[in-house]
N, C-alpha and C. Protein backbone atom coordinates (compact mmCIF):
# COMPACT_ATOMS: atom_id res chain seq x y z
N MET A 1 79.29 6.24 -7.16
CA MET A 1 77.77 5.34 -7.32
C MET A 1 77.43 4.34 -8.33
N SER A 2 76.82 3.64 -8.15
CA SER A 2 76.33 2.02 -8.52
C SER A 2 74.52 2.61 -8.71
N GLY A 3 74.15 2.26 -10.33
CA GLY A 3 72.99 2.14 -10.47
C GLY A 3 72.57 0.58 -10.74
N ARG A 4 73.07 -0.24 -10.32
CA ARG A 4 72.93 -1.50 -10.45
C ARG A 4 71.74 -1.67 -9.38
N GLY A 5 71.68 -1.11 -8.55
CA GLY A 5 71.30 -1.60 -7.42
C GLY A 5 69.52 -1.52 -8.17
N VAL A 6 70.03 -0.59 -8.48
CA VAL A 6 68.09 0.33 -9.07
C VAL A 6 67.30 -0.71 -9.75
N TRP A 7 68.33 -1.20 -11.35
CA TRP A 7 67.68 -1.92 -12.43
C TRP A 7 67.58 -3.27 -11.29
N LEU A 8 68.63 -3.85 -10.57
CA LEU A 8 67.78 -4.97 -9.57
C LEU A 8 66.65 -4.54 -9.10
N ARG A 9 66.51 -3.82 -8.68
CA ARG A 9 64.86 -4.37 -7.93
C ARG A 9 64.23 -3.23 -9.18
N ALA A 10 64.44 -2.67 -10.06
CA ALA A 10 63.07 -2.34 -11.31
C ALA A 10 62.90 -3.92 -11.60
N ARG A 11 63.45 -4.46 -11.88
CA ARG A 11 63.31 -6.12 -12.10
C ARG A 11 62.37 -7.08 -11.78
N ALA A 12 62.60 -6.81 -10.16
CA ALA A 12 62.13 -7.51 -9.24
C ALA A 12 60.94 -6.77 -9.34
N ARG A 13 60.39 -5.85 -9.40
CA ARG A 13 59.04 -5.78 -9.62
C ARG A 13 58.23 -5.84 -10.69
N LEU A 14 58.92 -6.01 -12.10
CA LEU A 14 58.69 -6.23 -13.47
C LEU A 14 58.09 -7.70 -13.80
N ARG A 15 58.77 -8.48 -12.75
CA ARG A 15 58.35 -10.03 -12.77
C ARG A 15 57.12 -9.78 -12.12
N ARG A 16 56.77 -9.35 -11.26
CA ARG A 16 55.98 -10.02 -10.08
C ARG A 16 54.49 -8.57 -11.39
N PHE A 17 54.88 -7.82 -12.20
CA PHE A 17 53.78 -6.99 -12.50
C PHE A 17 52.43 -7.74 -12.87
N PRO A 18 53.17 -9.23 -14.46
CA PRO A 18 51.68 -10.18 -15.38
C PRO A 18 51.32 -10.39 -14.24
N ALA A 19 51.80 -11.48 -12.83
CA ALA A 19 50.71 -11.52 -11.74
C ALA A 19 49.84 -10.79 -10.96
N ALA A 20 50.07 -9.55 -10.90
CA ALA A 20 49.59 -8.56 -10.29
C ALA A 20 48.26 -8.25 -11.09
N LEU A 21 48.48 -8.09 -12.99
CA LEU A 21 47.99 -8.20 -13.45
C LEU A 21 46.66 -8.95 -13.99
N ALA A 22 47.01 -10.12 -14.02
CA ALA A 22 46.50 -11.55 -14.06
C ALA A 22 45.43 -11.58 -12.48
N ALA A 23 45.20 -10.67 -11.77
CA ALA A 23 44.09 -10.43 -11.37
C ALA A 23 42.38 -9.77 -11.37
N CYS A 24 42.75 -8.89 -12.70
CA CYS A 24 41.63 -8.16 -13.75
C CYS A 24 41.61 -9.05 -14.73
N GLY A 25 41.26 -10.07 -14.63
CA GLY A 25 41.37 -11.29 -16.04
C GLY A 25 39.47 -10.58 -15.41
N ASP A 26 39.17 -11.19 -14.84
CA ASP A 26 36.98 -10.72 -14.77
C ASP A 26 37.24 -9.06 -15.96
N GLN A 27 37.59 -7.72 -15.19
CA GLN A 27 37.06 -6.38 -15.66
C GLN A 27 37.66 -6.86 -17.22
N ALA A 28 39.15 -7.49 -17.49
CA ALA A 28 39.18 -7.39 -19.65
C ALA A 28 38.40 -8.24 -19.44
N ALA A 29 38.20 -9.29 -19.67
CA ALA A 29 36.76 -10.00 -19.98
C ALA A 29 35.44 -8.96 -20.36
N ALA A 30 35.09 -8.20 -19.23
CA ALA A 30 33.56 -7.55 -19.26
C ALA A 30 33.98 -6.87 -20.11
N TYR A 31 35.28 -6.40 -20.46
CA TYR A 31 35.93 -5.11 -21.73
C TYR A 31 35.15 -5.10 -22.82
N GLY A 32 36.06 -6.63 -23.03
CA GLY A 32 36.07 -7.38 -24.27
C GLY A 32 34.95 -7.49 -24.80
N ARG A 33 34.10 -8.14 -24.13
CA ARG A 33 32.84 -8.62 -24.72
C ARG A 33 32.08 -6.88 -24.99
N CYS A 34 31.80 -6.17 -24.30
CA CYS A 34 31.26 -5.04 -24.40
C CYS A 34 31.58 -4.21 -25.56
N VAL A 35 33.01 -4.12 -26.40
CA VAL A 35 33.78 -3.19 -27.07
C VAL A 35 33.06 -4.46 -28.46
N ALA A 36 33.34 -5.68 -27.91
CA ALA A 36 32.98 -6.88 -29.31
C ALA A 36 31.29 -6.65 -29.92
N ALA A 37 30.36 -6.19 -28.50
CA ALA A 37 28.80 -6.16 -29.09
C ALA A 37 28.96 -5.25 -29.21
N ALA A 38 29.35 -4.43 -29.24
CA ALA A 38 29.31 -2.42 -29.85
C ALA A 38 29.72 -2.58 -31.20
N ALA A 39 30.97 -3.20 -31.46
CA ALA A 39 30.83 -3.24 -33.21
C ALA A 39 30.57 -4.67 -33.69
N ALA A 40 29.84 -4.77 -33.21
CA ALA A 40 29.36 -6.33 -33.69
C ALA A 40 28.11 -5.64 -34.79
N GLY A 41 27.40 -5.31 -34.03
CA GLY A 41 26.13 -4.30 -35.28
C GLY A 41 26.31 -3.45 -36.00
N PRO A 42 25.95 -3.10 -36.95
CA PRO A 42 25.63 -2.33 -38.06
C PRO A 42 26.33 -1.00 -37.41
N ALA A 43 25.58 -0.62 -36.49
CA ALA A 43 26.75 0.92 -35.91
C ALA A 43 27.56 1.00 -36.10
N GLU A 44 28.52 1.59 -35.86
CA GLU A 44 29.89 1.90 -35.93
C GLU A 44 30.29 2.04 -34.51
N LEU A 45 31.39 2.12 -33.66
CA LEU A 45 31.88 1.76 -32.37
C LEU A 45 31.82 3.04 -32.12
N ARG A 46 30.88 3.72 -31.08
CA ARG A 46 31.30 4.82 -30.76
C ARG A 46 32.15 5.34 -29.26
N ARG A 47 32.66 6.28 -29.22
CA ARG A 47 33.50 6.92 -27.92
C ARG A 47 32.64 6.50 -26.73
N ASP A 48 33.24 5.96 -25.61
CA ASP A 48 32.75 6.24 -24.22
C ASP A 48 31.68 5.17 -24.56
N SER A 49 31.35 4.48 -25.38
CA SER A 49 30.11 3.84 -25.25
C SER A 49 30.91 2.27 -24.41
N CYS A 50 31.72 1.80 -23.96
CA CYS A 50 31.92 1.08 -22.92
C CYS A 50 32.59 1.84 -21.69
N LEU A 51 32.93 3.20 -21.78
CA LEU A 51 32.91 3.54 -20.82
C LEU A 51 33.25 3.28 -19.42
N GLU A 52 32.35 2.39 -18.70
CA GLU A 52 31.85 1.78 -17.15
C GLU A 52 32.55 0.94 -17.44
N GLU A 53 32.96 -0.26 -18.25
CA GLU A 53 33.64 -0.96 -18.50
C GLU A 53 35.04 -1.03 -18.80
N PHE A 54 35.97 0.18 -19.56
CA PHE A 54 36.71 0.51 -19.36
C PHE A 54 37.72 1.42 -17.95
N GLN A 55 36.23 2.02 -16.94
CA GLN A 55 36.60 2.63 -16.17
C GLN A 55 36.84 1.05 -14.99
N ALA A 56 36.44 0.87 -14.44
CA ALA A 56 36.57 -0.57 -13.89
C ALA A 56 37.79 -1.35 -14.51
N LEU A 57 37.93 -1.56 -16.13
CA LEU A 57 39.81 -2.16 -15.83
C LEU A 57 40.84 -1.19 -15.47
N ARG A 58 40.99 0.01 -15.76
CA ARG A 58 41.80 1.00 -15.65
C ARG A 58 41.68 0.80 -13.69
N GLU A 59 40.86 0.98 -13.30
CA GLU A 59 40.91 1.32 -11.60
C GLU A 59 41.39 -0.04 -11.38
N CYS A 60 41.37 -1.52 -11.99
CA CYS A 60 41.71 -2.25 -11.53
C CYS A 60 43.53 -2.49 -11.05
N PHE A 61 44.08 -2.36 -12.55
CA PHE A 61 45.19 -2.22 -13.24
C PHE A 61 46.11 -1.16 -12.49
N ALA A 62 45.34 0.08 -11.84
CA ALA A 62 46.34 0.78 -11.16
C ALA A 62 45.90 0.24 -9.95
N ARG A 63 45.11 -0.09 -9.10
CA ARG A 63 45.55 -1.14 -8.22
C ARG A 63 46.03 -2.06 -7.33
N ALA A 64 46.67 -3.41 -9.28
CA ALA A 64 47.47 -3.65 -9.03
C ALA A 64 49.19 -3.21 -9.48
N VAL A 65 49.01 -1.88 -10.12
CA VAL A 65 50.20 -1.56 -10.19
C VAL A 65 50.45 -1.51 -8.98
N ARG A 66 50.14 -0.65 -8.16
CA ARG A 66 50.68 -0.10 -7.03
C ARG A 66 50.26 -1.06 -5.92
N LEU A 67 50.39 -2.29 -5.88
CA LEU A 67 50.36 -3.44 -5.09
C LEU A 67 51.59 -4.42 -5.73
N CYS A 68 52.11 -4.39 -6.94
CA CYS A 68 52.99 -4.49 -7.61
C CYS A 68 53.94 -3.87 -7.05
N LEU A 69 54.82 -2.38 -6.90
CA LEU A 69 55.36 -1.68 -6.66
C LEU A 69 56.03 -1.18 -5.19
N ARG A 70 54.59 -2.57 -4.12
CA ARG A 70 55.24 -2.09 -2.88
C ARG A 70 56.87 -2.84 -2.88
């Protein structure tokens, strides 16, 4: 039994992956702006200061991965 078919299918899914994640640009930009704003001041960056934006980005990535793996 050959695993060649498995690797070909995996490569095909990975080729679609960057295009699927490109749909998350708005969420990535919002998270980046939040982190940049939180780190720009004199106070140090705190954990969970951009939690809402991070969760939106994570959900977008999860949706993109589910669509990519079909």
